[in-house]
Amino acid sequence: AKITNLDKLTYAEAVLKAKEIKAVEALKITASSSAVKGSITVKWTVKGDSSAADGFQVYRSLKMNSGFGTKAFFTTTDNTKRTYKNTKSLKKGTRYYYKIRAYKVVDGVKYYSDWSNKAYRIAK
């Protein structure tokens, strides 16, 4: 079969997309947190090519291993933002767990890195 220029272009695009997906999936995220009265700040570092991400998702739970839900608590659309200040719906004396992942949208589909470690903090 003859390979057309269009086929070559489609193949090149597919290779590029696969690379982009692989790059975001390869990111390693490490989370930490701190608390002051009325807020908990979650910070994270990214190992790998962080420009591969479109942004980050922060999930929150009251339990360590469940309860994070299927929807992100907070989403950044900036791959350079590495911090989130949680001021809403915090109850003093309650422990909150946070986990973060990077995401990349390729052809309307979101691809993700692995989850970070869980950072937890008691609200002050």
N, C-alpha and C. Protein backbone atom coordinates (compact mmCIF):
# COMPACT_ATOMS: atom_id res chain seq x y z
N ALA A 1 0.85 -1.20 0.00
CA ALA A 1 0.00 0.00 0.00
C ALA A 1 0.88 1.24 0.00
N LYS A 2 0.41 2.24 -0.74
CA LYS A 2 1.14 3.49 -0.82
C LYS A 2 0.84 4.35 0.41
N ILE A 3 1.86 4.88 1.04
CA ILE A 3 1.65 5.76 2.20
C ILE A 3 1.58 7.19 1.71
N THR A 4 0.48 7.82 1.98
CA THR A 4 0.29 9.19 1.53
C THR A 4 0.88 10.16 2.55
N ASN A 5 1.01 11.41 2.14
CA ASN A 5 1.47 12.45 3.05
C ASN A 5 0.51 12.63 4.22
N LEU A 6 -0.78 12.46 3.94
CA LEU A 6 -1.78 12.58 4.99
C LEU A 6 -1.58 11.48 6.05
N ASP A 7 -1.29 10.25 5.56
CA ASP A 7 -1.01 9.15 6.49
C ASP A 7 0.19 9.47 7.36
N LYS A 8 1.23 10.03 6.72
CA LYS A 8 2.45 10.38 7.46
C LYS A 8 2.14 11.43 8.53
N LEU A 9 1.31 12.41 8.17
CA LEU A 9 0.93 13.47 9.09
C LEU A 9 0.12 12.90 10.25
N THR A 10 -0.82 12.04 9.94
CA THR A 10 -1.66 11.40 10.96
C THR A 10 -0.78 10.59 11.91
N TYR A 11 0.17 9.87 11.36
CA TYR A 11 1.09 9.05 12.15
C TYR A 11 1.94 9.95 13.06
N ALA A 12 2.48 11.03 12.49
CA ALA A 12 3.31 11.97 13.25
C ALA A 12 2.51 12.58 14.40
N GLU A 13 1.25 12.93 14.12
CA GLU A 13 0.39 13.49 15.16
C GLU A 13 0.14 12.47 16.26
N ALA A 14 -0.10 11.23 15.88
CA ALA A 14 -0.36 10.16 16.84
C ALA A 14 0.86 9.94 17.74
N VAL A 15 2.05 9.98 17.14
CA VAL A 15 3.29 9.81 17.90
C VAL A 15 3.46 10.96 18.89
N LEU A 16 3.20 12.17 18.42
CA LEU A 16 3.31 13.36 19.27
C LEU A 16 2.33 13.29 20.44
N LYS A 17 1.10 12.90 20.16
CA LYS A 17 0.08 12.78 21.22
C LYS A 17 0.48 11.72 22.24
N ALA A 18 0.99 10.61 21.76
CA ALA A 18 1.42 9.53 22.65
C ALA A 18 2.55 10.03 23.56
N LYS A 19 3.45 10.83 23.00
CA LYS A 19 4.55 11.41 23.79
C LYS A 19 4.02 12.35 24.86
N GLU A 20 3.06 13.19 24.49
CA GLU A 20 2.46 14.13 25.44
C GLU A 20 1.79 13.39 26.59
N ILE A 21 1.06 12.34 26.25
CA ILE A 21 0.35 11.54 27.25
C ILE A 21 1.35 10.86 28.19
N LYS A 22 2.38 10.27 27.58
CA LYS A 22 3.42 9.59 28.37
C LYS A 22 4.10 10.57 29.33
N ALA A 23 4.37 11.77 28.84
CA ALA A 23 5.07 12.79 29.64
C ALA A 23 4.27 13.18 30.88
N VAL A 24 2.96 13.35 30.73
CA VAL A 24 2.15 13.72 31.90
C VAL A 24 2.00 12.52 32.84
N GLU A 25 1.86 11.34 32.28
CA GLU A 25 1.71 10.13 33.10
C GLU A 25 2.98 9.83 33.89
N ALA A 26 4.13 10.30 33.40
CA ALA A 26 5.42 10.04 34.06
C ALA A 26 5.72 11.00 35.21
N LEU A 27 4.94 12.06 35.34
CA LEU A 27 5.21 13.04 36.40
C LEU A 27 5.02 12.43 37.79
N LYS A 28 5.92 12.82 38.71
CA LYS A 28 5.82 12.37 40.10
C LYS A 28 5.57 13.61 40.96
N ILE A 29 4.51 13.54 41.74
CA ILE A 29 4.11 14.70 42.53
C ILE A 29 4.24 14.41 44.02
N THR A 30 4.83 15.34 44.75
CA THR A 30 4.99 15.22 46.20
C THR A 30 4.26 16.38 46.86
N ALA A 31 3.36 16.04 47.76
CA ALA A 31 2.53 17.06 48.41
C ALA A 31 2.93 17.27 49.86
N SER A 32 2.74 18.49 50.34
CA SER A 32 2.93 18.81 51.75
C SER A 32 1.88 19.85 52.12
N SER A 33 1.70 20.08 53.41
CA SER A 33 0.68 21.05 53.82
C SER A 33 1.08 21.76 55.10
N SER A 34 0.42 22.88 55.32
CA SER A 34 0.61 23.65 56.54
C SER A 34 -0.73 24.31 56.89
N ALA A 35 -0.89 24.64 58.16
CA ALA A 35 -2.16 25.23 58.59
C ALA A 35 -1.93 26.46 59.44
N VAL A 36 -2.77 27.45 59.23
CA VAL A 36 -2.87 28.60 60.12
C VAL A 36 -4.35 28.76 60.42
N LYS A 37 -4.68 29.60 61.34
CA LYS A 37 -6.10 29.78 61.69
C LYS A 37 -6.91 30.13 60.44
N GLY A 38 -7.91 29.30 60.16
CA GLY A 38 -8.82 29.59 59.05
C GLY A 38 -8.42 29.07 57.69
N SER A 39 -7.21 28.48 57.57
CA SER A 39 -6.84 27.95 56.26
C SER A 39 -5.80 26.84 56.35
N ILE A 40 -5.84 26.00 55.33
CA ILE A 40 -4.82 24.96 55.15
C ILE A 40 -4.22 25.20 53.77
N THR A 41 -2.91 25.27 53.70
CA THR A 41 -2.24 25.46 52.42
C THR A 41 -1.58 24.16 52.00
N VAL A 42 -1.89 23.74 50.79
CA VAL A 42 -1.31 22.52 50.23
C VAL A 42 -0.32 22.95 49.15
N LYS A 43 0.89 22.41 49.23
CA LYS A 43 1.92 22.71 48.22
C LYS A 43 2.37 21.40 47.62
N TRP A 44 2.87 21.47 46.40
CA TRP A 44 3.40 20.26 45.79
C TRP A 44 4.58 20.57 44.89
N THR A 45 5.44 19.57 44.76
CA THR A 45 6.57 19.66 43.86
C THR A 45 6.36 18.63 42.76
N VAL A 46 6.94 18.90 41.61
CA VAL A 46 6.75 18.03 40.46
C VAL A 46 8.11 17.58 39.95
N LYS A 47 8.27 16.27 39.81
CA LYS A 47 9.48 15.69 39.22
C LYS A 47 9.14 15.25 37.81
N GLY A 48 9.98 15.67 36.86
CA GLY A 48 9.70 15.37 35.47
C GLY A 48 9.47 16.67 34.72
N ASP A 49 9.03 16.57 33.50
CA ASP A 49 8.80 17.75 32.66
C ASP A 49 7.42 18.33 32.98
N SER A 50 7.39 19.27 33.93
CA SER A 50 6.10 19.79 34.39
C SER A 50 5.35 20.56 33.30
N SER A 51 6.05 20.95 32.23
CA SER A 51 5.35 21.63 31.13
C SER A 51 4.43 20.64 30.39
N ALA A 52 4.58 19.36 30.69
CA ALA A 52 3.72 18.33 30.07
C ALA A 52 2.29 18.41 30.61
N ALA A 53 2.10 19.07 31.75
CA ALA A 53 0.78 19.16 32.36
C ALA A 53 0.05 20.43 31.93
N ASP A 54 -1.28 20.34 31.84
CA ASP A 54 -2.09 21.55 31.61
C ASP A 54 -2.40 22.21 32.95
N GLY A 55 -2.36 21.42 34.00
CA GLY A 55 -2.66 21.92 35.33
C GLY A 55 -2.70 20.78 36.32
N PHE A 56 -3.26 21.07 37.50
CA PHE A 56 -3.29 20.08 38.57
C PHE A 56 -4.66 20.02 39.21
N GLN A 57 -4.98 18.85 39.73
CA GLN A 57 -6.24 18.65 40.45
C GLN A 57 -5.91 18.34 41.90
N VAL A 58 -6.63 19.00 42.79
CA VAL A 58 -6.49 18.76 44.22
C VAL A 58 -7.78 18.09 44.70
N TYR A 59 -7.63 16.96 45.37
CA TYR A 59 -8.77 16.25 45.94
C TYR A 59 -8.66 16.32 47.46
N ARG A 60 -9.81 16.38 48.13
CA ARG A 60 -9.81 16.49 49.58
C ARG A 60 -10.75 15.46 50.19
N SER A 61 -10.36 14.95 51.35
CA SER A 61 -11.21 13.98 52.06
C SER A 61 -11.02 14.13 53.57
N LEU A 62 -11.97 13.58 54.30
CA LEU A 62 -11.87 13.53 55.76
C LEU A 62 -11.25 12.19 56.18
N LYS A 63 -11.08 11.28 55.21
CA LYS A 63 -10.51 9.97 55.50
C LYS A 63 -9.25 9.77 54.68
N MET A 64 -8.33 8.98 55.21
CA MET A 64 -7.06 8.80 54.52
C MET A 64 -7.19 8.00 53.22
N ASN A 65 -8.00 6.95 53.23
CA ASN A 65 -8.02 6.05 52.08
C ASN A 65 -9.32 6.02 51.29
N SER A 66 -10.23 6.92 51.59
CA SER A 66 -11.49 6.98 50.84
C SER A 66 -12.11 8.36 51.00
N GLY A 67 -13.24 8.54 50.34
CA GLY A 67 -14.00 9.78 50.51
C GLY A 67 -13.51 10.97 49.70
N PHE A 68 -12.57 10.74 48.79
CA PHE A 68 -12.07 11.85 47.98
C PHE A 68 -13.06 12.26 46.89
N GLY A 69 -13.99 11.37 46.59
CA GLY A 69 -14.99 11.68 45.57
C GLY A 69 -14.42 11.55 44.17
N THR A 70 -15.27 11.76 43.19
CA THR A 70 -14.86 11.59 41.80
C THR A 70 -14.59 12.94 41.14
N LYS A 71 -14.88 14.01 41.85
CA LYS A 71 -14.69 15.35 41.30
C LYS A 71 -13.60 16.07 42.08
N ALA A 72 -12.73 16.76 41.38
CA ALA A 72 -11.65 17.51 42.03
C ALA A 72 -12.24 18.59 42.93
N PHE A 73 -11.63 18.78 44.07
CA PHE A 73 -12.02 19.83 45.01
C PHE A 73 -11.58 21.18 44.45
N PHE A 74 -10.45 21.17 43.78
CA PHE A 74 -9.88 22.39 43.19
C PHE A 74 -9.04 21.99 41.98
N THR A 75 -9.12 22.77 40.91
CA THR A 75 -8.35 22.50 39.70
C THR A 75 -7.61 23.76 39.27
N THR A 76 -6.32 23.63 39.00
CA THR A 76 -5.57 24.76 38.44
C THR A 76 -5.56 24.57 36.92
N THR A 77 -5.49 25.67 36.20
CA THR A 77 -5.35 25.58 34.75
C THR A 77 -3.99 26.18 34.38
N ASP A 78 -3.11 26.18 35.37
CA ASP A 78 -1.78 26.77 35.23
C ASP A 78 -0.76 25.72 35.70
N ASN A 79 0.11 25.28 34.80
CA ASN A 79 1.04 24.22 35.20
C ASN A 79 2.22 24.73 36.03
N THR A 80 2.25 26.05 36.30
CA THR A 80 3.32 26.58 37.16
C THR A 80 2.81 26.82 38.59
N LYS A 81 1.50 26.75 38.78
CA LYS A 81 0.93 26.96 40.12
C LYS A 81 1.08 25.69 40.93
N ARG A 82 1.73 25.80 42.08
CA ARG A 82 2.04 24.61 42.89
C ARG A 82 1.52 24.74 44.32
N THR A 83 0.47 25.53 44.47
CA THR A 83 -0.05 25.75 45.80
C THR A 83 -1.55 25.98 45.76
N TYR A 84 -2.22 25.55 46.81
CA TYR A 84 -3.66 25.77 46.93
C TYR A 84 -3.97 26.11 48.38
N LYS A 85 -4.66 27.22 48.58
CA LYS A 85 -5.04 27.64 49.92
C LYS A 85 -6.51 27.31 50.15
N ASN A 86 -6.77 26.36 51.01
CA ASN A 86 -8.14 25.93 51.33
C ASN A 86 -8.67 26.76 52.50
N THR A 87 -9.66 27.60 52.20
CA THR A 87 -10.27 28.42 53.25
C THR A 87 -11.74 28.06 53.43
N LYS A 88 -12.32 27.44 52.39
CA LYS A 88 -13.75 27.10 52.42
C LYS A 88 -14.01 25.79 53.15
N SER A 89 -15.15 25.74 53.78
CA SER A 89 -15.68 24.55 54.47
C SER A 89 -14.63 23.78 55.27
N LEU A 90 -13.94 24.52 56.14
CA LEU A 90 -12.99 23.92 57.07
C LEU A 90 -13.59 23.97 58.47
N LYS A 91 -13.50 22.87 59.18
CA LYS A 91 -14.00 22.82 60.55
C LYS A 91 -12.81 22.67 61.48
N LYS A 92 -12.70 23.61 62.41
CA LYS A 92 -11.60 23.61 63.37
C LYS A 92 -11.51 22.26 64.09
N GLY A 93 -10.30 21.73 64.20
CA GLY A 93 -10.09 20.46 64.89
C GLY A 93 -10.31 19.23 64.02
N THR A 94 -10.71 19.44 62.77
CA THR A 94 -10.95 18.33 61.84
C THR A 94 -9.72 18.11 60.98
N ARG A 95 -9.39 16.85 60.76
CA ARG A 95 -8.24 16.51 59.92
C ARG A 95 -8.70 16.35 58.47
N TYR A 96 -7.98 17.01 57.58
CA TYR A 96 -8.27 16.93 56.15
C TYR A 96 -7.09 16.31 55.41
N TYR A 97 -7.41 15.46 54.45
CA TYR A 97 -6.40 14.81 53.62
C TYR A 97 -6.49 15.37 52.21
N TYR A 98 -5.35 15.60 51.60
CA TYR A 98 -5.30 16.13 50.24
C TYR A 98 -4.39 15.26 49.39
N LYS A 99 -4.79 15.08 48.13
CA LYS A 99 -3.92 14.41 47.17
C LYS A 99 -4.03 15.15 45.84
N ILE A 100 -2.95 15.12 45.10
CA ILE A 100 -2.85 15.92 43.88
C ILE A 100 -2.42 15.05 42.71
N ARG A 101 -2.92 15.40 41.53
CA ARG A 101 -2.42 14.77 40.31
C ARG A 101 -2.39 15.82 39.21
N ALA A 102 -1.51 15.59 38.25
CA ALA A 102 -1.41 16.47 37.09
C ALA A 102 -2.36 15.94 36.02
N TYR A 103 -2.82 16.84 35.16
CA TYR A 103 -3.65 16.39 34.04
C TYR A 103 -3.22 17.08 32.75
N LYS A 104 -3.55 16.43 31.66
CA LYS A 104 -3.28 16.96 30.32
C LYS A 104 -4.46 16.57 29.45
N VAL A 105 -4.98 17.52 28.70
CA VAL A 105 -6.08 17.22 27.79
C VAL A 105 -5.52 17.02 26.39
N VAL A 106 -5.77 15.84 25.83
CA VAL A 106 -5.35 15.53 24.47
C VAL A 106 -6.59 15.06 23.71
N ASP A 107 -6.94 15.80 22.67
CA ASP A 107 -8.15 15.51 21.89
C ASP A 107 -9.40 15.40 22.77
N GLY A 108 -9.52 16.30 23.71
CA GLY A 108 -10.71 16.33 24.55
C GLY A 108 -10.75 15.27 25.64
N VAL A 109 -9.69 14.47 25.76
CA VAL A 109 -9.64 13.43 26.79
C VAL A 109 -8.59 13.83 27.83
N LYS A 110 -8.94 13.70 29.12
CA LYS A 110 -7.98 14.02 30.17
C LYS A 110 -7.12 12.81 30.51
N TYR A 111 -5.82 13.04 30.57
CA TYR A 111 -4.87 12.01 30.99
C TYR A 111 -4.22 12.51 32.27
N TYR A 112 -3.84 11.57 33.15
CA TYR A 112 -3.38 11.95 34.48
C TYR A 112 -2.05 11.32 34.87
N SER A 113 -1.37 12.01 35.77
CA SER A 113 -0.19 11.43 36.42
C SER A 113 -0.71 10.53 37.54
N ASP A 114 0.19 9.82 38.18
CA ASP A 114 -0.18 9.09 39.40
C ASP A 114 -0.52 10.11 40.48
N TRP A 115 -1.21 9.65 41.51
CA TRP A 115 -1.53 10.50 42.64
C TRP A 115 -0.25 10.82 43.42
N SER A 116 -0.27 11.97 44.04
CA SER A 116 0.80 12.32 44.97
C SER A 116 0.59 11.50 46.24
N ASN A 117 1.51 11.62 47.17
CA ASN A 117 1.28 11.12 48.53
C ASN A 117 0.11 11.92 49.10
N LYS A 118 -0.44 11.50 50.21
CA LYS A 118 -1.52 12.26 50.84
C LYS A 118 -0.92 13.19 51.90
N ALA A 119 -1.24 14.46 51.76
CA ALA A 119 -0.81 15.45 52.75
C ALA A 119 -2.00 15.68 53.66
N TYR A 120 -1.79 15.69 54.98
CA TYR A 120 -2.93 15.94 55.85
C TYR A 120 -2.59 16.98 56.90
N ARG A 121 -3.64 17.61 57.39
CA ARG A 121 -3.48 18.71 58.32
C ARG A 121 -4.77 18.85 59.11
N ILE A 122 -4.64 19.23 60.37
CA ILE A 122 -5.83 19.53 61.20
C ILE A 122 -6.10 21.02 61.11
N ALA A 123 -7.34 21.36 60.82
CA ALA A 123 -7.73 22.77 60.70
C ALA A 123 -7.61 23.46 62.05
N LYS A 124 -7.05 24.67 62.04
CA LYS A 124 -6.87 25.45 63.28
C LYS A 124 -7.97 26.48 63.44
